[in-house]
Amino acid sequence: MKLATSILLAGFMFGAASYSFADDIKETTKEIKQDTTKTVKKGKNRVEESACEMVNGKMECAGKKLKNRASEAGDEVKDMAN
């Protein structure tokens, strides 16, 4: 009886550990996806800002630049909350 209980308990522990491991992988994947999305968005913003400044000058593009920074800060706060 003790052997069967031990085997059953070990099975539950292994199942819980593998579930936890799967959860960790899902969370890590989600974090990597969020970080990649933020990085790509930030890079895209910088390229657009540089192109805008070349064509229109810094003063005309300052508003867009501020809007981009505010959006990026908001994304960072949202990411930290998760």
PDB file of N, CA and C in Angstrom:
ATOM      1  N   MET A   1       0.826  -1.194   0.000  1.00  0.00           N
ATOM      2  CA  MET A   1       0.000   0.000   0.000  1.00  0.00           C
ATOM      3  C   MET A   1       0.872   1.260   0.000  1.00  0.00           C
ATOM      4  N   LYS A   2       1.939   1.248   0.801  1.00  0.00           N
ATOM      5  CA  LYS A   2       2.813   2.416   0.854  1.00  0.00           C
ATOM      6  C   LYS A   2       3.484   2.657  -0.489  1.00  0.00           C
ATOM      7  N   LEU A   3       3.873   1.588  -1.172  1.00  0.00           N
ATOM      8  CA  LEU A   3       4.536   1.720  -2.468  1.00  0.00           C
ATOM      9  C   LEU A   3       3.583   2.341  -3.486  1.00  0.00           C
ATOM     10  N   ALA A   4       2.358   1.880  -3.503  1.00  0.00           N
ATOM     11  CA  ALA A   4       1.364   2.414  -4.445  1.00  0.00           C
ATOM     12  C   ALA A   4       1.102   3.893  -4.158  1.00  0.00           C
ATOM     13  N   THR A   5       1.010   4.245  -2.890  1.00  0.00           N
ATOM     14  CA  THR A   5       0.780   5.642  -2.515  1.00  0.00           C
ATOM     15  C   THR A   5       1.973   6.502  -2.922  1.00  0.00           C
ATOM     16  N   SER A   6       3.166   5.973  -2.700  1.00  0.00           N
ATOM     17  CA  SER A   6       4.372   6.712  -3.085  1.00  0.00           C
ATOM     18  C   SER A   6       4.436   6.923  -4.588  1.00  0.00           C
ATOM     19  N   ILE A   7       4.102   5.892  -5.346  1.00  0.00           N
ATOM     20  CA  ILE A   7       4.120   5.994  -6.804  1.00  0.00           C
ATOM     21  C   ILE A   7       3.068   7.008  -7.271  1.00  0.00           C
ATOM     22  N   LEU A   8       1.896   6.949  -6.666  1.00  0.00           N
ATOM     23  CA  LEU A   8       0.824   7.877  -7.016  1.00  0.00           C
ATOM     24  C   LEU A   8       1.224   9.314  -6.694  1.00  0.00           C
ATOM     25  N   LEU A   9       1.805   9.499  -5.514  1.00  0.00           N
ATOM     26  CA  LEU A   9       2.251  10.829  -5.104  1.00  0.00           C
ATOM     27  C   LEU A   9       3.347  11.347  -6.034  1.00  0.00           C
ATOM     28  N   ALA A  10       4.274  10.502  -6.400  1.00  0.00           N
ATOM     29  CA  ALA A  10       5.350  10.894  -7.313  1.00  0.00           C
ATOM     30  C   ALA A  10       4.775  11.285  -8.668  1.00  0.00           C
ATOM     31  N   GLY A  11       3.765  10.548  -9.115  1.00  0.00           N
ATOM     32  CA  GLY A  11       3.110  10.869 -10.388  1.00  0.00           C
ATOM     33  C   GLY A  11       2.461  12.241 -10.343  1.00  0.00           C
ATOM     34  N   PHE A  12       1.787  12.559  -9.249  1.00  0.00           N
ATOM     35  CA  PHE A  12       1.165  13.879  -9.110  1.00  0.00           C
ATOM     36  C   PHE A  12       2.210  14.984  -9.082  1.00  0.00           C
ATOM     37  N   MET A  13       3.298  14.727  -8.363  1.00  0.00           N
ATOM     38  CA  MET A  13       4.354  15.736  -8.271  1.00  0.00           C
ATOM     39  C   MET A  13       4.985  15.982  -9.640  1.00  0.00           C
ATOM     40  N   PHE A  14       5.226  14.901 -10.384  1.00  0.00           N
ATOM     41  CA  PHE A  14       5.810  15.037 -11.711  1.00  0.00           C
ATOM     42  C   PHE A  14       4.852  15.776 -12.636  1.00  0.00           C
ATOM     43  N   GLY A  15       3.578  15.451 -12.546  1.00  0.00           N
ATOM     44  CA  GLY A  15       2.569  16.124 -13.366  1.00  0.00           C
ATOM     45  C   GLY A  15       2.514  17.605 -13.055  1.00  0.00           C
ATOM     46  N   ALA A  16       2.562  17.962 -11.793  1.00  0.00           N
ATOM     47  CA  ALA A  16       2.530  19.374 -11.392  1.00  0.00           C
ATOM     48  C   ALA A  16       3.788  20.091 -11.870  1.00  0.00           C
ATOM     49  N   ALA A  17       4.929  19.424 -11.779  1.00  0.00           N
ATOM     50  CA  ALA A  17       6.182  20.032 -12.220  1.00  0.00           C
ATOM     51  C   ALA A  17       6.175  20.265 -13.724  1.00  0.00           C
ATOM     52  N   SER A  18       5.658  19.308 -14.495  1.00  0.00           N
ATOM     53  CA  SER A  18       5.636  19.483 -15.943  1.00  0.00           C
ATOM     54  C   SER A  18       4.631  20.557 -16.333  1.00  0.00           C
ATOM     55  N   TYR A  19       3.525  20.663 -15.604  1.00  0.00           N
ATOM     56  CA  TYR A  19       2.554  21.721 -15.875  1.00  0.00           C
ATOM     57  C   TYR A  19       3.185  23.079 -15.592  1.00  0.00           C
ATOM     58  N   SER A  20       3.891  23.169 -14.499  1.00  0.00           N
ATOM     59  CA  SER A  20       4.560  24.421 -14.147  1.00  0.00           C
ATOM     60  C   SER A  20       5.599  24.782 -15.207  1.00  0.00           C
ATOM     61  N   PHE A  21       6.318  23.778 -15.684  1.00  0.00           N
ATOM     62  CA  PHE A  21       7.333  24.000 -16.709  1.00  0.00           C
ATOM     63  C   PHE A  21       6.674  24.498 -17.995  1.00  0.00           C
ATOM     64  N   ALA A  22       5.549  23.904 -18.358  1.00  0.00           N
ATOM     65  CA  ALA A  22       4.825  24.330 -19.558  1.00  0.00           C
ATOM     66  C   ALA A  22       4.322  25.762 -19.389  1.00  0.00           C
ATOM     67  N   ASP A  23       3.853  26.088 -18.199  1.00  0.00           N
ATOM     68  CA  ASP A  23       3.402  27.452 -17.920  1.00  0.00           C
ATOM     69  C   ASP A  23       4.554  28.445 -18.065  1.00  0.00           C
ATOM     70  N   ASP A  24       5.717  28.072 -17.541  1.00  0.00           N
ATOM     71  CA  ASP A  24       6.893  28.940 -17.632  1.00  0.00           C
ATOM     72  C   ASP A  24       7.276  29.189 -19.091  1.00  0.00           C
ATOM     73  N   ILE A  25       7.195  28.151 -19.913  1.00  0.00           N
ATOM     74  CA  ILE A  25       7.532  28.294 -21.327  1.00  0.00           C
ATOM     75  C   ILE A  25       6.545  29.234 -22.010  1.00  0.00           C
ATOM     76  N   LYS A  26       5.255  29.094 -21.690  1.00  0.00           N
ATOM     77  CA  LYS A  26       4.238  29.973 -22.282  1.00  0.00           C
ATOM     78  C   LYS A  26       4.485  31.425 -21.883  1.00  0.00           C
ATOM     79  N   GLU A  27       4.780  31.652 -20.611  1.00  0.00           N
ATOM     80  CA  GLU A  27       5.035  33.015 -20.128  1.00  0.00           C
ATOM     81  C   GLU A  27       6.282  33.606 -20.766  1.00  0.00           C
ATOM     82  N   THR A  28       7.332  32.803 -20.865  1.00  0.00           N
ATOM     83  CA  THR A  28       8.580  33.279 -21.462  1.00  0.00           C
ATOM     84  C   THR A  28       8.363  33.621 -22.934  1.00  0.00           C
ATOM     85  N   THR A  29       7.634  32.764 -23.631  1.00  0.00           N
ATOM     86  CA  THR A  29       7.333  33.016 -25.039  1.00  0.00           C
ATOM     87  C   THR A  29       6.531  34.294 -25.200  1.00  0.00           C
ATOM     88  N   LYS A  30       5.563  34.495 -24.308  1.00  0.00           N
ATOM     89  CA  LYS A  30       4.732  35.703 -24.353  1.00  0.00           C
ATOM     90  C   LYS A  30       5.587  36.949 -24.123  1.00  0.00           C
ATOM     91  N   GLU A  31       6.502  36.879 -23.165  1.00  0.00           N
ATOM     92  CA  GLU A  31       7.378  38.013 -22.863  1.00  0.00           C
ATOM     93  C   GLU A  31       8.302  38.324 -24.040  1.00  0.00           C
ATOM     94  N   ILE A  32       8.847  37.292 -24.649  1.00  0.00           N
ATOM     95  CA  ILE A  32       9.741  37.485 -25.797  1.00  0.00           C
ATOM     96  C   ILE A  32       8.975  38.139 -26.942  1.00  0.00           C
ATOM     97  N   LYS A  33       7.750  37.683 -27.165  1.00  0.00           N
ATOM     98  CA  LYS A  33       6.927  38.264 -28.230  1.00  0.00           C
ATOM     99  C   LYS A  33       6.651  39.743 -27.954  1.00  0.00           C
ATOM    100  N   GLN A  34       6.307  40.062 -26.711  1.00  0.00           N
ATOM    101  CA  GLN A  34       6.033  41.457 -26.354  1.00  0.00           C
ATOM    102  C   GLN A  34       7.275  42.326 -26.519  1.00  0.00           C
ATOM    103  N   ASP A  35       8.412  41.825 -26.063  1.00  0.00           N
ATOM    104  CA  ASP A  35       9.662  42.586 -26.179  1.00  0.00           C
ATOM    105  C   ASP A  35      10.045  42.804 -27.645  1.00  0.00           C
ATOM    106  N   THR A  36       9.871  41.771 -28.461  1.00  0.00           N
ATOM    107  CA  THR A  36      10.189  41.882 -29.885  1.00  0.00           C
ATOM    108  C   THR A  36       9.282  42.901 -30.557  1.00  0.00           C
ATOM    109  N   THR A  37       7.997  42.845 -30.225  1.00  0.00           N
ATOM    110  CA  THR A  37       7.039  43.792 -30.802  1.00  0.00           C
ATOM    111  C   THR A  37       7.401  45.222 -30.433  1.00  0.00           C
ATOM    112  N   LYS A  38       7.759  45.444 -29.164  1.00  0.00           N
ATOM    113  CA  LYS A  38       8.145  46.791 -28.726  1.00  0.00           C
ATOM    114  C   LYS A  38       9.404  47.260 -29.450  1.00  0.00           C
ATOM    115  N   THR A  39      10.378  46.386 -29.601  1.00  0.00           N
ATOM    116  CA  THR A  39      11.633  46.744 -30.252  1.00  0.00           C
ATOM    117  C   THR A  39      11.412  47.098 -31.713  1.00  0.00           C
ATOM    118  N   VAL A  40      10.596  46.300 -32.396  1.00  0.00           N
ATOM    119  CA  VAL A  40      10.308  46.570 -33.810  1.00  0.00           C
ATOM    120  C   VAL A  40       9.562  47.895 -33.949  1.00  0.00           C
ATOM    121  N   LYS A  41       8.588  48.119 -33.072  1.00  0.00           N
ATOM    122  CA  LYS A  41       7.811  49.370 -33.118  1.00  0.00           C
ATOM    123  C   LYS A  41       8.720  50.573 -32.872  1.00  0.00           C
ATOM    124  N   LYS A  42       9.616  50.441 -31.904  1.00  0.00           N
ATOM    125  CA  LYS A  42      10.538  51.528 -31.579  1.00  0.00           C
ATOM    126  C   LYS A  42      11.461  51.819 -32.766  1.00  0.00           C
ATOM    127  N   GLY A  43      11.984  50.782 -33.396  1.00  0.00           N
ATOM    128  CA  GLY A  43      12.851  50.958 -34.556  1.00  0.00           C
ATOM    129  C   GLY A  43      12.120  51.608 -35.712  1.00  0.00           C
ATOM    130  N   LYS A  44      10.883  51.178 -35.934  1.00  0.00           N
ATOM    131  CA  LYS A  44      10.062  51.764 -36.995  1.00  0.00           C
ATOM    132  C   LYS A  44       9.823  53.246 -36.729  1.00  0.00           C
ATOM    133  N   ASN A  45       9.533  53.579 -35.482  1.00  0.00           N
ATOM    134  CA  ASN A  45       9.319  54.977 -35.116  1.00  0.00           C
ATOM    135  C   ASN A  45      10.558  55.816 -35.399  1.00  0.00           C
ATOM    136  N   ARG A  46      11.741  55.287 -35.039  1.00  0.00           N
ATOM    137  CA  ARG A  46      12.972  56.049 -35.233  1.00  0.00           C
ATOM    138  C   ARG A  46      13.240  56.303 -36.711  1.00  0.00           C
ATOM    139  N   VAL A  47      12.985  55.294 -37.548  1.00  0.00           N
ATOM    140  CA  VAL A  47      13.206  55.448 -38.988  1.00  0.00           C
ATOM    141  C   VAL A  47      12.244  56.493 -39.552  1.00  0.00           C
ATOM    142  N   GLU A  48      10.972  56.408 -39.155  1.00  0.00           N
ATOM    143  CA  GLU A  48       9.985  57.380 -39.624  1.00  0.00           C
ATOM    144  C   GLU A  48      10.349  58.801 -39.175  1.00  0.00           C
ATOM    145  N   GLU A  49      10.807  58.921 -37.930  1.00  0.00           N
ATOM    146  CA  GLU A  49      11.186  60.241 -37.416  1.00  0.00           C
ATOM    147  C   GLU A  49      12.367  60.811 -38.189  1.00  0.00           C
ATOM    148  N   SER A  50      13.354  59.981 -38.460  1.00  0.00           N
ATOM    149  CA  SER A  50      14.530  60.446 -39.215  1.00  0.00           C
ATOM    150  C   SER A  50      14.128  60.888 -40.618  1.00  0.00           C
ATOM    151  N   ALA A  51      13.282  60.094 -41.253  1.00  0.00           N
ATOM    152  CA  ALA A  51      12.833  60.442 -42.601  1.00  0.00           C
ATOM    153  C   ALA A  51      12.031  61.734 -42.579  1.00  0.00           C
ATOM    154  N   CYS A  52      11.179  61.902 -41.585  1.00  0.00           N
ATOM    155  CA  CYS A  52      10.367  63.111 -41.457  1.00  0.00           C
ATOM    156  C   CYS A  52      11.265  64.335 -41.263  1.00  0.00           C
ATOM    157  N   GLU A  53      12.272  64.212 -40.419  1.00  0.00           N
ATOM    158  CA  GLU A  53      13.181  65.332 -40.158  1.00  0.00           C
ATOM    159  C   GLU A  53      13.980  65.713 -41.402  1.00  0.00           C
ATOM    160  N   MET A  54      14.346  64.718 -42.211  1.00  0.00           N
ATOM    161  CA  MET A  54      15.093  65.007 -43.437  1.00  0.00           C
ATOM    162  C   MET A  54      14.238  65.792 -44.420  1.00  0.00           C
ATOM    163  N   VAL A  55      12.978  65.428 -44.500  1.00  0.00           N
ATOM    164  CA  VAL A  55      12.102  66.043 -45.488  1.00  0.00           C
ATOM    165  C   VAL A  55      11.492  67.345 -44.973  1.00  0.00           C
ATOM    166  N   ASN A  56      10.987  67.331 -43.750  1.00  0.00           N
ATOM    167  CA  ASN A  56      10.206  68.460 -43.238  1.00  0.00           C
ATOM    168  C   ASN A  56      10.935  69.331 -42.215  1.00  0.00           C
ATOM    169  N   GLY A  57      12.014  68.864 -41.672  1.00  0.00           N
ATOM    170  CA  GLY A  57      12.721  69.616 -40.637  1.00  0.00           C
ATOM    171  C   GLY A  57      12.280  69.174 -39.242  1.00  0.00           C
ATOM    172  N   LYS A  58      13.112  69.464 -38.265  1.00  0.00           N
ATOM    173  CA  LYS A  58      12.873  68.997 -36.895  1.00  0.00           C
ATOM    174  C   LYS A  58      11.616  69.567 -36.263  1.00  0.00           C
ATOM    175  N   MET A  59      11.344  70.822 -36.487  1.00  0.00           N
ATOM    176  CA  MET A  59      10.208  71.466 -35.812  1.00  0.00           C
ATOM    177  C   MET A  59       8.869  70.867 -36.243  1.00  0.00           C
ATOM    178  N   GLU A  60       8.721  70.559 -37.504  1.00  0.00           N
ATOM    179  CA  GLU A  60       7.459  69.998 -37.980  1.00  0.00           C
ATOM    180  C   GLU A  60       7.247  68.573 -37.490  1.00  0.00           C
ATOM    181  N   CYS A  61       8.308  67.867 -37.150  1.00  0.00           N
ATOM    182  CA  CYS A  61       8.204  66.464 -36.746  1.00  0.00           C
ATOM    183  C   CYS A  61       8.254  66.274 -35.235  1.00  0.00           C
ATOM    184  N   ALA A  62       8.414  67.343 -34.489  1.00  0.00           N
ATOM    185  CA  ALA A  62       8.542  67.234 -33.033  1.00  0.00           C
ATOM    186  C   ALA A  62       7.288  66.637 -32.397  1.00  0.00           C
ATOM    187  N   GLY A  63       6.119  67.024 -32.886  1.00  0.00           N
ATOM    188  CA  GLY A  63       4.866  66.495 -32.333  1.00  0.00           C
ATOM    189  C   GLY A  63       4.752  65.005 -32.531  1.00  0.00           C
ATOM    190  N   LYS A  64       5.105  64.534 -33.710  1.00  0.00           N
ATOM    191  CA  LYS A  64       5.062  63.101 -34.002  1.00  0.00           C
ATOM    192  C   LYS A  64       6.051  62.344 -33.112  1.00  0.00           C
ATOM    193  N   LYS A  65       7.206  62.956 -32.906  1.00  0.00           N
ATOM    194  CA  LYS A  65       8.235  62.338 -32.079  1.00  0.00           C
ATOM    195  C   LYS A  65       7.742  62.199 -30.631  1.00  0.00           C
ATOM    196  N   LEU A  66       7.112  63.257 -30.109  1.00  0.00           N
ATOM    197  CA  LEU A  66       6.567  63.197 -28.747  1.00  0.00           C
ATOM    198  C   LEU A  66       5.463  62.150 -28.626  1.00  0.00           C
ATOM    199  N   LYS A  67       4.620  62.091 -29.652  1.00  0.00           N
ATOM    200  CA  LYS A  67       3.540  61.093 -29.656  1.00  0.00           C
ATOM    201  C   LYS A  67       4.114  59.676 -29.636  1.00  0.00           C
ATOM    202  N   ASN A  68       5.158  59.445 -30.416  1.00  0.00           N
ATOM    203  CA  ASN A  68       5.801  58.130 -30.445  1.00  0.00           C
ATOM    204  C   ASN A  68       6.392  57.771 -29.081  1.00  0.00           C
ATOM    205  N   ARG A  69       7.067  58.746 -28.449  1.00  0.00           N
ATOM    206  CA  ARG A  69       7.673  58.481 -27.136  1.00  0.00           C
ATOM    207  C   ARG A  69       6.596  58.167 -26.087  1.00  0.00           C
ATOM    208  N   ALA A  70       5.481  58.879 -26.141  1.00  0.00           N
ATOM    209  CA  ALA A  70       4.392  58.631 -25.196  1.00  0.00           C
ATOM    210  C   ALA A  70       3.803  57.245 -25.409  1.00  0.00           C
ATOM    211  N   SER A  71       3.638  56.867 -26.657  1.00  0.00           N
ATOM    212  CA  SER A  71       3.120  55.538 -26.976  1.00  0.00           C
ATOM    213  C   SER A  71       4.074  54.448 -26.490  1.00  0.00           C
ATOM    214  N   GLU A  72       5.372  54.654 -26.702  1.00  0.00           N
ATOM    215  CA  GLU A  72       6.372  53.678 -26.262  1.00  0.00           C
ATOM    216  C   GLU A  72       6.396  53.567 -24.738  1.00  0.00           C
ATOM    217  N   ALA A  73       6.259  54.699 -24.052  1.00  0.00           N
ATOM    218  CA  ALA A  73       6.221  54.680 -22.587  1.00  0.00           C
ATOM    219  C   ALA A  73       4.965  53.931 -22.102  1.00  0.00           C
ATOM    220  N   GLY A  74       3.862  54.162 -22.769  1.00  0.00           N
ATOM    221  CA  GLY A  74       2.631  53.452 -22.426  1.00  0.00           C
ATOM    222  C   GLY A  74       2.765  51.952 -22.622  1.00  0.00           C
ATOM    223  N   ASP A  75       3.401  51.550 -23.715  1.00  0.00           N
ATOM    224  CA  ASP A  75       3.639  50.117 -23.976  1.00  0.00           C
ATOM    225  C   ASP A  75       4.507  49.522 -22.875  1.00  0.00           C
ATOM    226  N   GLU A  76       5.510  50.270 -22.446  1.00  0.00           N
ATOM    227  CA  GLU A  76       6.421  49.786 -21.388  1.00  0.00           C
ATOM    228  C   GLU A  76       5.668  49.594 -20.079  1.00  0.00           C
ATOM    229  N   VAL A  77       4.820  50.551 -19.727  1.00  0.00           N
ATOM    230  CA  VAL A  77       4.037  50.451 -18.489  1.00  0.00           C
ATOM    231  C   VAL A  77       3.082  49.268 -18.555  1.00  0.00           C
ATOM    232  N   LYS A  78       2.437  49.107 -19.710  1.00  0.00           N
ATOM    233  CA  LYS A  78       1.521  47.977 -19.891  1.00  0.00           C
ATOM    234  C   LYS A  78       2.265  46.656 -19.753  1.00  0.00           C
ATOM    235  N   ASP A  79       3.467  46.583 -20.317  1.00  0.00           N
ATOM    236  CA  ASP A  79       4.280  45.376 -20.246  1.00  0.00           C
ATOM    237  C   ASP A  79       4.685  45.072 -18.811  1.00  0.00           C
ATOM    238  N   MET A  80       5.044  46.091 -18.057  1.00  0.00           N
ATOM    239  CA  MET A  80       5.429  45.904 -16.662  1.00  0.00           C
ATOM    240  C   MET A  80       4.246  45.425 -15.821  1.00  0.00           C
ATOM    241  N   ALA A  81       3.051  45.900 -16.163  1.00  0.00           N
ATOM    242  CA  ALA A  81       1.848  45.492 -15.426  1.00  0.00           C
ATOM    243  C   ALA A  81       1.545  44.016 -15.627  1.00  0.00           C
ATOM    244  N   ASN A  82       1.893  43.513 -16.808  1.00  0.00           N
ATOM    245  CA  ASN A  82       1.657  42.092 -17.077  1.00  0.00           C
ATOM    246  C   ASN A  82       2.707  41.271 -16.396  1.00  0.00           C
TER     247      ASN A  82
END
